[in-house]
Amino acid sequence: FANDCDWKCEGMGEWKGQPAWLIRFRQRADRPTSRLHGFEAPDGGYILALKGLAWVAANGNHVLHLETDLVKPVKQVRLEREHFAINYGLVTFRTHPVALWLPESVDTYFRYQDRSYHEYSRFSNFELFWVGTAQEIGKPKQTPSKH
């Protein structure tokens, strides 16, 4: 998705006391695609072009916080605003030696058909689903012939 956006580093800042690079992005007008965000409605599909700001940890390649907004309202369906604010946190798993940066909380704000909505979600107790695979190559087992 990187080529679908224009990117600009706004310099060093911090998020909750952690040093972070502030990276601004905006979906390019010459790359209209619903790969980032879109929806289908009875009257057709809509591309929701996004813009936003990411706080990327200065000492790693993970996002600490992300905020997105619509580039412009979708007047056909009266969607005036859609704002996401996502906080990420490091999650370690008891069952496997894996640590992932996953969403801890998401605040969503909508202004849709002249009404405002706010959804507040918190995430915890993550479970890791782990699938092991193995391949065995050999001759087929012979089955006794029935005579």
C-alpha atoms as a PDB file:
ATOM      1  CA  PHE A   1       0.000   0.000   0.000  1.00  0.00           C
ATOM      2  CA  ALA A   2       2.999   2.304   0.321  1.00  0.00           C
ATOM      3  CA  ASN A   3       2.763   3.451  -3.309  1.00  0.00           C
ATOM      4  CA  ASP A   4      -0.895   4.413  -2.820  1.00  0.00           C
ATOM      5  CA  CYS A   5       0.105   7.268  -0.473  1.00  0.00           C
ATOM      6  CA  ASP A   6       2.326  10.304  -0.266  1.00  0.00           C
ATOM      7  CA  TRP A   7       4.521  10.215   2.855  1.00  0.00           C
ATOM      8  CA  LYS A   8       6.215  12.977   4.807  1.00  0.00           C
ATOM      9  CA  CYS A   9       8.327  12.704   7.942  1.00  0.00           C
ATOM     10  CA  GLU A  10       7.498  15.630  10.201  1.00  0.00           C
ATOM     11  CA  GLY A  11      10.388  14.975  12.558  1.00  0.00           C
ATOM     12  CA  MET A  12      10.886  13.521  15.993  1.00  0.00           C
ATOM     13  CA  GLY A  13       8.229  13.690  18.664  1.00  0.00           C
ATOM     14  CA  GLU A  14       7.011  11.345  21.331  1.00  0.00           C
ATOM     15  CA  TRP A  15       4.075   9.177  22.215  1.00  0.00           C
ATOM     16  CA  LYS A  16       3.404   8.487  25.901  1.00  0.00           C
ATOM     17  CA  GLY A  17       6.991   9.324  26.770  1.00  0.00           C
ATOM     18  CA  GLN A  18       8.542   7.215  24.011  1.00  0.00           C
ATOM     19  CA  PRO A  19      10.519   8.945  21.243  1.00  0.00           C
ATOM     20  CA  ALA A  20       8.762   8.552  17.927  1.00  0.00           C
ATOM     21  CA  TRP A  21       9.003   9.703  14.345  1.00  0.00           C
ATOM     22  CA  LEU A  22       5.861  11.477  13.155  1.00  0.00           C
ATOM     23  CA  ILE A  23       4.953  10.274   9.664  1.00  0.00           C
ATOM     24  CA  ARG A  24       2.122  11.998   7.808  1.00  0.00           C
ATOM     25  CA  PHE A  25       0.435  10.195   4.916  1.00  0.00           C
ATOM     26  CA  ARG A  26      -2.263  10.958   2.380  1.00  0.00           C
ATOM     27  CA  GLN A  27      -3.774   8.663  -0.209  1.00  0.00           C
ATOM     28  CA  ARG A  28      -2.785   9.805  -3.678  1.00  0.00           C
ATOM     29  CA  ALA A  29      -5.544  11.148  -5.934  1.00  0.00           C
ATOM     30  CA  ASP A  30      -3.949   9.451  -8.955  1.00  0.00           C
ATOM     31  CA  ARG A  31      -4.271   6.050  -7.230  1.00  0.00           C
ATOM     32  CA  PRO A  32      -7.956   5.820  -6.372  1.00  0.00           C
ATOM     33  CA  THR A  33      -8.377   2.393  -4.878  1.00  0.00           C
ATOM     34  CA  SER A  34     -10.482   0.770  -2.222  1.00  0.00           C
ATOM     35  CA  ARG A  35      -7.512  -1.422  -1.206  1.00  0.00           C
ATOM     36  CA  LEU A  36      -6.974   0.841   1.806  1.00  0.00           C
ATOM     37  CA  HIS A  37     -10.574   1.609   2.683  1.00  0.00           C
ATOM     38  CA  GLY A  38     -13.903   1.401   0.910  1.00  0.00           C
ATOM     39  CA  PHE A  39     -17.392  -0.004   1.177  1.00  0.00           C
ATOM     40  CA  GLU A  40     -20.212  -1.319  -0.925  1.00  0.00           C
ATOM     41  CA  ALA A  41     -23.673   0.217  -0.750  1.00  0.00           C
ATOM     42  CA  PRO A  42     -26.895  -0.653  -2.584  1.00  0.00           C
ATOM     43  CA  ASP A  43     -26.193   2.163  -5.045  1.00  0.00           C
ATOM     44  CA  GLY A  44     -22.572   1.123  -5.700  1.00  0.00           C
ATOM     45  CA  GLY A  45     -19.099   1.074  -4.214  1.00  0.00           C
ATOM     46  CA  TYR A  46     -17.306   3.957  -2.579  1.00  0.00           C
ATOM     47  CA  ILE A  47     -13.610   4.618  -2.172  1.00  0.00           C
ATOM     48  CA  LEU A  48     -12.780   6.268   1.130  1.00  0.00           C
ATOM     49  CA  ALA A  49      -9.447   7.977   0.587  1.00  0.00           C
ATOM     50  CA  LEU A  50      -7.497   8.327   3.829  1.00  0.00           C
ATOM     51  CA  LYS A  51      -5.012  10.719   5.340  1.00  0.00           C
ATOM     52  CA  GLY A  52      -3.393  10.498   8.720  1.00  0.00           C
ATOM     53  CA  LEU A  53      -0.480  10.587  11.086  1.00  0.00           C
ATOM     54  CA  ALA A  54       1.551   7.703  12.513  1.00  0.00           C
ATOM     55  CA  TRP A  55       3.845   7.762  15.538  1.00  0.00           C
ATOM     56  CA  VAL A  56       6.576   5.225  14.705  1.00  0.00           C
ATOM     57  CA  ALA A  57       8.933   4.163  17.506  1.00  0.00           C
ATOM     58  CA  ALA A  58      12.356   5.751  17.105  1.00  0.00           C
ATOM     59  CA  ASN A  59      14.116   2.567  18.210  1.00  0.00           C
ATOM     60  CA  GLY A  60      12.160   0.087  16.093  1.00  0.00           C
ATOM     61  CA  ASN A  61       9.895  -0.501  13.150  1.00  0.00           C
ATOM     62  CA  HIS A  62       6.590  -0.577  14.986  1.00  0.00           C
ATOM     63  CA  VAL A  63       3.733   1.861  15.132  1.00  0.00           C
ATOM     64  CA  LEU A  64       2.886   3.237  18.583  1.00  0.00           C
ATOM     65  CA  HIS A  65      -0.181   5.248  17.570  1.00  0.00           C
ATOM     66  CA  LEU A  66      -2.097   5.867  14.345  1.00  0.00           C
ATOM     67  CA  GLU A  67      -4.786   8.393  13.480  1.00  0.00           C
ATOM     68  CA  THR A  68      -6.700   8.459  10.204  1.00  0.00           C
ATOM     69  CA  ASP A  69      -9.333  10.715   8.662  1.00  0.00           C
ATOM     70  CA  LEU A  70     -11.164  10.887   5.361  1.00  0.00           C
ATOM     71  CA  VAL A  71      -9.491  13.024   2.706  1.00  0.00           C
ATOM     72  CA  LYS A  72     -12.955  14.353   1.868  1.00  0.00           C
ATOM     73  CA  PRO A  73     -16.547  13.598   2.880  1.00  0.00           C
ATOM     74  CA  VAL A  74     -18.631  11.149   0.845  1.00  0.00           C
ATOM     75  CA  LYS A  75     -21.597  13.379   0.047  1.00  0.00           C
ATOM     76  CA  GLN A  76     -23.551  10.671  -1.810  1.00  0.00           C
ATOM     77  CA  VAL A  77     -24.135   8.777   1.458  1.00  0.00           C
ATOM     78  CA  ARG A  78     -23.761  11.796   3.797  1.00  0.00           C
ATOM     79  CA  LEU A  79     -20.612  10.480   5.498  1.00  0.00           C
ATOM     80  CA  GLU A  80     -19.063  13.702   6.762  1.00  0.00           C
ATOM     81  CA  ARG A  81     -16.381  12.358   9.106  1.00  0.00           C
ATOM     82  CA  GLU A  82     -14.644   9.109   9.936  1.00  0.00           C
ATOM     83  CA  HIS A  83     -11.756   9.331  12.390  1.00  0.00           C
ATOM     84  CA  PHE A  84      -9.793   6.420  13.880  1.00  0.00           C
ATOM     85  CA  ALA A  85      -7.312   6.750  16.771  1.00  0.00           C
ATOM     86  CA  ILE A  86      -5.463   3.475  17.422  1.00  0.00           C
ATOM     87  CA  ASN A  87      -3.020   2.789  20.262  1.00  0.00           C
ATOM     88  CA  TYR A  88      -0.656  -0.161  19.840  1.00  0.00           C
ATOM     89  CA  GLY A  89       1.076  -2.144  22.550  1.00  0.00           C
ATOM     90  CA  LEU A  90       3.562  -4.980  22.768  1.00  0.00           C
ATOM     91  CA  VAL A  91       1.814  -8.297  23.378  1.00  0.00           C
ATOM     92  CA  THR A  92       3.794 -11.334  24.516  1.00  0.00           C
ATOM     93  CA  PHE A  93       2.265 -14.788  24.450  1.00  0.00           C
ATOM     94  CA  ARG A  94       2.552 -17.445  27.161  1.00  0.00           C
ATOM     95  CA  THR A  95       2.420 -20.402  24.792  1.00  0.00           C
ATOM     96  CA  HIS A  96       5.024 -19.315  22.229  1.00  0.00           C
ATOM     97  CA  PRO A  97       8.130 -17.098  22.304  1.00  0.00           C
ATOM     98  CA  VAL A  98       6.481 -14.453  20.143  1.00  0.00           C
ATOM     99  CA  ALA A  99       5.891 -10.753  20.752  1.00  0.00           C
ATOM    100  CA  LEU A 100       3.721  -8.649  18.430  1.00  0.00           C
ATOM    101  CA  TRP A 101       2.657  -5.006  18.384  1.00  0.00           C
ATOM    102  CA  LEU A 102      -1.154  -5.177  18.296  1.00  0.00           C
ATOM    103  CA  PRO A 103      -3.986  -2.690  18.828  1.00  0.00           C
ATOM    104  CA  GLU A 104      -4.710  -2.030  22.507  1.00  0.00           C
ATOM    105  CA  SER A 105      -7.484   0.454  21.929  1.00  0.00           C
ATOM    106  CA  VAL A 106      -9.406   2.015  19.067  1.00  0.00           C
ATOM    107  CA  ASP A 107     -11.537   5.133  19.233  1.00  0.00           C
ATOM    108  CA  THR A 108     -13.756   5.652  16.204  1.00  0.00           C
ATOM    109  CA  TYR A 109     -15.691   8.823  15.494  1.00  0.00           C
ATOM    110  CA  PHE A 110     -18.283   9.123  12.720  1.00  0.00           C
ATOM    111  CA  ARG A 111     -20.472  11.913  11.460  1.00  0.00           C
ATOM    112  CA  TYR A 112     -22.992  10.088   9.289  1.00  0.00           C
ATOM    113  CA  GLN A 113     -26.331  11.363   7.987  1.00  0.00           C
ATOM    114  CA  ASP A 114     -26.281  14.319  10.398  1.00  0.00           C
ATOM    115  CA  ARG A 115     -25.623  12.125  13.469  1.00  0.00           C
ATOM    116  CA  SER A 116     -22.436  11.712  15.452  1.00  0.00           C
ATOM    117  CA  TYR A 117     -21.185   8.362  16.709  1.00  0.00           C
ATOM    118  CA  HIS A 118     -18.290   7.371  18.959  1.00  0.00           C
ATOM    119  CA  GLU A 119     -17.183   3.791  19.438  1.00  0.00           C
ATOM    120  CA  TYR A 120     -14.599   2.934  22.081  1.00  0.00           C
ATOM    121  CA  SER A 121     -12.962  -0.519  21.896  1.00  0.00           C
ATOM    122  CA  ARG A 122     -10.350  -2.079  24.172  1.00  0.00           C
ATOM    123  CA  PHE A 123      -8.428  -5.273  23.407  1.00  0.00           C
ATOM    124  CA  SER A 124      -6.694  -7.656  25.804  1.00  0.00           C
ATOM    125  CA  ASN A 125      -6.168 -11.356  26.524  1.00  0.00           C
ATOM    126  CA  PHE A 126      -4.856 -12.057  23.044  1.00  0.00           C
ATOM    127  CA  GLU A 127      -4.506 -15.690  22.054  1.00  0.00           C
ATOM    128  CA  LEU A 128      -2.036 -16.923  19.477  1.00  0.00           C
ATOM    129  CA  PHE A 129      -3.252 -19.592  17.102  1.00  0.00           C
ATOM    130  CA  TRP A 130      -0.242 -21.601  16.024  1.00  0.00           C
ATOM    131  CA  VAL A 131      -0.237 -24.203  13.263  1.00  0.00           C
ATOM    132  CA  GLY A 132       2.733 -26.451  12.744  1.00  0.00           C
ATOM    133  CA  THR A 133       3.344 -28.175   9.442  1.00  0.00           C
ATOM    134  CA  ALA A 134       5.610 -30.960   8.367  1.00  0.00           C
ATOM    135  CA  GLN A 135       6.167 -32.644   5.058  1.00  0.00           C
ATOM    136  CA  GLU A 136       7.125 -36.288   4.687  1.00  0.00           C
ATOM    137  CA  ILE A 137       8.188 -37.508   1.270  1.00  0.00           C
ATOM    138  CA  GLY A 138       8.370 -41.219   0.647  1.00  0.00           C
ATOM    139  CA  LYS A 139       7.023 -44.095  -1.365  1.00  0.00           C
ATOM    140  CA  PRO A 140       3.321 -44.822  -1.056  1.00  0.00           C
ATOM    141  CA  LYS A 141       2.464 -47.520   1.455  1.00  0.00           C
ATOM    142  CA  GLN A 142       1.541 -50.791  -0.189  1.00  0.00           C
ATOM    143  CA  THR A 143      -1.819 -52.200   0.745  1.00  0.00           C
ATOM    144  CA  PRO A 144      -2.267 -55.965   0.640  1.00  0.00           C
ATOM    145  CA  SER A 145      -4.216 -57.038  -2.394  1.00  0.00           C
ATOM    146  CA  LYS A 146      -7.498 -58.789  -1.780  1.00  0.00           C
ATOM    147  CA  HIS A 147      -7.833 -62.093  -3.667  1.00  0.00           C
END
